[in-house]
Amino acid sequence: DDVATITPNEPIATAKYMMENYNISGIVVVNEDKKVCGIFTKRDIPFSDNDIKNGKIKNYMTTDVISIEPGASRQKALKILFESRKEKLPIIDKSGNLKGLITKKDLAPEFPLASMDKEGHLICALALSPKYPEATQAQDLLKEIDKYVDIFFIDVADFYKTADIRGTKKLMDLLESDFVLGNIGTYEAAEHIITKCDFNEDKFIGLKVGMGSGSICTTSIQTGVGAPTLFATAQVADAIADYNPKISLIADGGFKNPGDLPKSLT
């Protein structure tokens, strides 16, 4: 429904107006039966003002429409666009009905270095409190969210506390997704979490480190306690190497003020 269309007998001026108004460079042409019969792009607009005013779409449109069928793969669409040197690819079913429109911009990955699953979908992660919800309704809501999430990030200023560890173990039992735990900042904390807490090895995939050095973090300001990014990363990396090299490490920090740089290296 969002694809701009026009009929063959419409004036070129109408198509030109639609392109300028909708900020698009091409319009799919459909007949009275809503079947695709052509495509009209900016390249088809005649030079003469008189032709623009009096000309009809059917006299200037491209009738040999290069298209793709519904459900085709991204790789196939890219191949057709590359080989045809086209910028737009109408999606047309076997009956000739328009089902959509693909452009090069649609197929270009917005975040080419993003983590994806085996099917090419972006991996979804969600920050989560380590506090276990006692209410059944809250537990059911978490289970529903769990269906759409690949990783839960336990996100507190200092994870190395008995209450947070116990709450997280319950959450792991309740939910199916993987978990990254944090934040911590010392070898001792990492050693305890890896060796003493008995977390589910299949779900416990990473540790997030750094305390107070983030660009929006107020832990050090509010409590006077912190673990600079480089220090925390080095400490926890050593513990991971000693006890479980399969666990990933995420350095969680950033810079807001010039003074944050020496703090991260302290």
Protein backbone atom coordinates (compact mmCIF):
# COMPACT_ATOMS: atom_id res chain seq x y z
CA ASP A 1 0.00 0.00 0.00
CA ASP A 2 2.98 2.32 0.51
CA VAL A 3 4.32 1.91 -3.06
CA ALA A 4 3.56 4.89 -5.29
CA THR A 5 1.65 3.89 -8.43
CA ILE A 6 0.18 5.65 -11.45
CA THR A 7 -1.93 4.63 -14.47
CA PRO A 8 -0.71 4.74 -18.09
CA ASN A 9 -3.12 7.52 -19.13
CA GLU A 10 -2.06 9.92 -16.39
CA PRO A 11 -0.17 13.04 -17.51
CA ILE A 12 3.57 13.21 -16.98
CA ALA A 13 3.04 16.35 -14.92
CA THR A 14 1.23 14.25 -12.31
CA ALA A 15 4.13 11.81 -12.05
CA LYS A 16 6.61 14.68 -11.80
CA TYR A 17 4.57 16.23 -9.00
CA MET A 18 4.40 12.89 -7.12
CA MET A 19 8.16 12.41 -7.37
CA GLU A 20 8.84 15.89 -6.04
CA ASN A 21 6.17 15.70 -3.35
CA TYR A 22 7.08 12.21 -2.08
CA ASN A 23 10.82 12.61 -2.67
CA ILE A 24 11.00 9.49 -4.86
CA SER A 25 12.69 8.84 -8.18
CA GLY A 26 10.33 6.29 -9.73
CA ILE A 27 6.70 5.18 -9.88
CA VAL A 28 5.27 1.78 -10.78
CA VAL A 29 2.64 1.93 -13.55
CA VAL A 30 -0.47 -0.24 -13.11
CA ASN A 31 -3.47 -0.72 -15.45
CA GLU A 32 -7.17 -0.69 -14.62
CA ASP A 33 -6.91 -4.26 -13.29
CA LYS A 34 -4.11 -3.19 -10.93
CA LYS A 35 -1.62 -5.28 -12.91
CA VAL A 36 1.91 -3.92 -13.37
CA CYS A 37 2.44 -2.74 -16.94
CA GLY A 38 5.48 -0.48 -16.63
CA ILE A 39 7.68 1.76 -14.55
CA PHE A 40 8.27 5.49 -14.87
CA THR A 41 11.39 7.12 -13.41
CA LYS A 42 13.00 10.56 -13.41
CA ARG A 43 15.07 9.45 -16.38
CA ASP A 44 11.86 9.05 -18.39
CA ILE A 45 10.70 12.63 -17.85
CA PRO A 46 10.96 14.47 -21.19
CA PHE A 47 13.04 17.63 -21.46
CA SER A 48 10.35 19.75 -23.11
CA ASP A 49 7.93 21.58 -20.81
CA ASN A 50 5.23 21.06 -23.41
CA ASP A 51 5.77 17.29 -23.35
CA ILE A 52 5.67 17.31 -19.57
CA LYS A 53 2.40 19.20 -19.62
CA ASN A 54 0.66 17.27 -22.38
CA GLY A 55 2.45 13.91 -22.53
CA LYS A 56 1.04 10.68 -21.14
CA ILE A 57 2.85 8.17 -18.97
CA LYS A 58 2.23 5.35 -21.46
CA ASN A 59 4.29 7.12 -24.14
CA TYR A 60 7.42 7.44 -21.99
CA MET A 61 7.34 4.62 -19.43
CA THR A 62 9.52 1.53 -19.54
CA THR A 63 7.32 -1.45 -20.39
CA ASP A 64 9.96 -4.17 -20.00
CA VAL A 65 9.82 -4.21 -16.20
CA ILE A 66 12.62 -6.06 -14.42
CA SER A 67 11.06 -7.48 -11.27
CA ILE A 68 11.35 -10.14 -8.59
CA GLU A 69 8.86 -12.55 -7.05
CA PRO A 70 7.63 -12.38 -3.42
CA GLY A 71 9.79 -14.33 -0.98
CA ALA A 72 12.98 -14.11 -3.05
CA SER A 73 16.25 -13.88 -1.15
CA ARG A 74 18.23 -10.71 -0.53
CA GLN A 75 21.12 -12.19 -2.52
CA LYS A 76 18.90 -12.73 -5.56
CA ALA A 77 17.57 -9.17 -5.38
CA LEU A 78 21.09 -7.76 -5.17
CA LYS A 79 22.18 -9.87 -8.13
CA ILE A 80 19.28 -8.67 -10.31
CA LEU A 81 19.88 -5.01 -9.38
CA PHE A 82 23.59 -5.31 -10.11
CA GLU A 83 23.19 -7.09 -13.44
CA SER A 84 20.39 -4.83 -14.67
CA ARG A 85 22.00 -1.62 -13.36
CA LYS A 86 18.61 -0.66 -11.97
CA GLU A 87 17.91 1.18 -8.73
CA LYS A 88 14.42 -0.19 -8.16
CA LEU A 89 12.98 -3.68 -8.26
CA PRO A 90 9.18 -4.13 -8.16
CA ILE A 91 7.95 -7.24 -6.35
CA ILE A 92 5.33 -8.83 -8.60
CA ASP A 93 3.44 -12.07 -8.02
CA LYS A 94 2.58 -14.65 -10.68
CA SER A 95 -0.71 -12.89 -11.43
CA GLY A 96 1.03 -9.61 -12.19
CA ASN A 97 -0.05 -7.90 -8.98
CA LEU A 98 2.32 -5.44 -7.30
CA LYS A 99 3.36 -6.63 -3.84
CA GLY A 100 6.10 -4.16 -3.00
CA LEU A 101 9.19 -2.36 -4.20
CA ILE A 102 12.85 -2.95 -3.35
CA THR A 103 15.56 -0.32 -3.78
CA LYS A 104 19.32 -0.49 -3.38
CA LYS A 105 18.94 1.49 -0.20
CA ASP A 106 16.60 -1.16 1.24
CA LEU A 107 19.19 -3.89 0.67
CA ALA A 108 22.22 -1.98 1.92
CA PRO A 109 22.88 -3.00 5.54
CA GLU A 110 22.61 0.00 7.84
CA PHE A 111 25.08 -1.57 10.28
CA PRO A 112 27.34 -3.90 8.23
CA LEU A 113 29.44 -4.89 11.26
CA ALA A 114 26.45 -5.71 13.47
CA SER A 115 26.14 -9.16 15.03
CA MET A 116 23.65 -11.43 13.28
CA ASP A 117 22.28 -14.92 13.83
CA LYS A 118 22.59 -17.84 11.40
CA GLU A 119 19.56 -16.64 9.44
CA GLY A 120 20.99 -13.15 8.94
CA HIS A 121 18.74 -11.45 11.50
CA LEU A 122 20.15 -8.79 13.81
CA ILE A 123 20.83 -10.13 17.28
CA CYS A 124 18.61 -8.43 19.87
CA ALA A 125 19.89 -7.76 23.40
CA LEU A 126 18.01 -6.24 26.31
CA ALA A 127 19.23 -4.74 29.60
CA LEU A 128 17.68 -6.39 32.63
CA SER A 129 17.73 -5.82 36.38
CA PRO A 130 19.11 -8.73 38.44
CA LYS A 131 16.13 -8.47 40.77
CA TYR A 132 13.90 -11.51 40.28
CA PRO A 133 10.21 -10.60 39.92
CA GLU A 134 8.06 -12.47 42.41
CA ALA A 135 4.72 -11.61 40.78
CA THR A 136 3.46 -14.24 38.34
CA GLN A 137 2.28 -11.57 35.91
CA ALA A 138 5.77 -10.05 35.76
CA GLN A 139 7.33 -13.48 35.23
CA ASP A 140 4.92 -14.21 32.37
CA LEU A 141 5.78 -10.86 30.79
CA LEU A 142 9.49 -11.67 30.94
CA LYS A 143 8.83 -15.05 29.33
CA GLU A 144 6.98 -13.32 26.50
CA ILE A 145 9.85 -10.85 26.01
CA ASP A 146 12.27 -13.78 26.09
CA LYS A 147 10.80 -15.04 22.79
CA TYR A 148 12.14 -11.99 20.96
CA VAL A 149 15.49 -11.52 22.73
CA ASP A 150 18.79 -13.30 22.06
CA ILE A 151 20.76 -11.95 25.03
CA PHE A 152 19.88 -10.39 28.37
CA PHE A 153 22.43 -7.96 29.80
CA ILE A 154 22.30 -7.85 33.59
CA ASP A 155 23.00 -4.17 34.09
CA VAL A 156 23.88 -2.79 37.51
CA ALA A 157 26.69 -0.54 38.75
CA ASP A 158 28.28 -3.34 40.81
CA PHE A 159 27.12 -6.90 40.13
CA TYR A 160 29.44 -8.48 42.70
CA LYS A 161 26.74 -8.74 45.41
CA THR A 162 24.96 -11.76 46.85
CA ALA A 163 21.46 -10.47 46.13
CA ASP A 164 22.26 -9.73 42.47
CA ILE A 165 23.91 -13.11 41.96
CA ARG A 166 20.98 -14.99 43.49
CA GLY A 167 18.43 -13.01 41.50
CA THR A 168 20.31 -13.64 38.25
CA LYS A 169 20.45 -17.39 38.86
CA LYS A 170 16.66 -17.42 39.20
CA LEU A 171 16.30 -15.38 36.02
CA MET A 172 18.50 -17.86 34.15
CA ASP A 173 16.27 -20.70 35.30
CA LEU A 174 13.16 -18.80 34.17
CA LEU A 175 14.39 -17.60 30.76
CA GLU A 176 15.89 -19.32 27.71
CA SER A 177 18.14 -16.56 26.30
CA ASP A 178 21.86 -16.11 26.95
CA PHE A 179 23.16 -13.79 29.66
CA VAL A 180 25.98 -11.25 29.95
CA LEU A 181 26.61 -10.29 33.59
CA GLY A 182 27.90 -6.99 34.91
CA ASN A 183 29.24 -4.69 35.76
CA ILE A 184 32.31 -5.79 37.67
CA GLY A 185 35.80 -4.35 37.94
CA THR A 186 38.23 -6.75 39.64
CA TYR A 187 39.91 -10.13 39.26
CA GLU A 188 38.34 -11.22 42.56
CA ALA A 189 34.80 -10.52 41.33
CA ALA A 190 35.35 -12.34 38.04
CA GLU A 191 36.97 -15.30 39.79
CA HIS A 192 34.05 -15.64 42.19
CA ILE A 193 31.39 -15.34 39.48
CA ILE A 194 33.09 -17.88 37.21
CA THR A 195 34.06 -20.46 39.83
CA LYS A 196 31.72 -20.12 42.82
CA CYS A 197 28.28 -19.08 41.56
CA ASP A 198 27.34 -22.18 39.57
CA PHE A 199 25.69 -20.25 36.72
CA ASN A 200 24.29 -22.20 33.79
CA GLU A 201 27.34 -22.67 31.56
CA ASP A 202 25.29 -22.69 28.36
CA LYS A 203 23.58 -19.38 29.14
CA PHE A 204 26.43 -17.52 30.87
CA ILE A 205 28.32 -16.16 27.83
CA GLY A 206 30.02 -12.96 28.95
CA LEU A 207 31.10 -10.45 31.58
CA LYS A 208 30.70 -6.68 31.27
CA VAL A 209 33.40 -4.64 33.00
CA GLY A 210 34.08 -1.08 34.07
CA MET A 211 32.60 0.86 36.96
CA GLY A 212 32.12 4.61 36.86
CA SER A 213 34.00 5.34 33.64
CA GLY A 214 31.07 5.48 31.24
CA SER A 215 30.17 8.78 29.56
CA ILE A 216 26.78 8.89 31.33
CA CYS A 217 27.69 6.87 34.44
CA THR A 218 27.42 8.57 37.85
CA THR A 219 28.61 5.67 40.03
CA SER A 220 31.96 7.23 40.91
CA ILE A 221 30.35 10.62 41.50
CA GLN A 222 27.60 9.27 43.74
CA THR A 223 29.59 6.64 45.66
CA GLY A 224 33.24 7.62 45.28
CA VAL A 225 33.96 4.06 44.11
CA GLY A 226 34.88 2.86 40.63
CA ALA A 227 37.02 0.62 38.44
CA PRO A 228 38.51 2.44 35.41
CA THR A 229 37.94 0.76 32.05
CA LEU A 230 41.50 -0.37 31.28
CA PHE A 231 42.11 -1.57 34.84
CA ALA A 232 38.83 -3.52 34.94
CA THR A 233 39.39 -5.01 31.49
CA ALA A 234 42.90 -6.21 32.35
CA GLN A 235 41.80 -7.65 35.70
CA VAL A 236 38.80 -9.56 34.38
CA ALA A 237 40.63 -10.70 31.23
CA ASP A 238 43.22 -12.38 33.45
CA ALA A 239 40.51 -14.16 35.45
CA ILE A 240 38.76 -15.34 32.29
CA ALA A 241 42.05 -16.65 30.89
CA ASP A 242 42.72 -18.50 34.14
CA TYR A 243 39.29 -20.08 34.63
CA ASN A 244 37.15 -20.09 31.46
CA PRO A 245 38.55 -18.67 28.19
CA LYS A 246 35.21 -19.33 26.44
CA ILE A 247 33.55 -16.43 28.27
CA SER A 248 33.45 -13.15 26.36
CA LEU A 249 34.49 -9.82 27.84
CA ILE A 250 32.86 -6.48 27.11
CA ALA A 251 34.64 -3.26 28.08
CA ASP A 252 31.83 -0.92 29.09
CA GLY A 253 33.14 2.63 29.23
CA GLY A 254 33.31 5.91 27.41
CA PHE A 255 34.46 9.50 27.55
CA LYS A 256 32.45 12.62 28.29
CA ASN A 257 35.01 15.02 29.73
CA PRO A 258 38.81 15.35 29.18
CA GLY A 259 39.40 14.04 32.70
CA ASP A 260 37.73 10.74 31.82
CA LEU A 261 40.73 9.68 29.75
CA PRO A 262 43.30 9.56 32.59
CA LYS A 263 40.65 7.96 34.83
CA SER A 264 40.21 5.09 32.36
CA LEU A 265 43.97 4.47 32.38
CA THR A 266 44.55 4.80 36.12
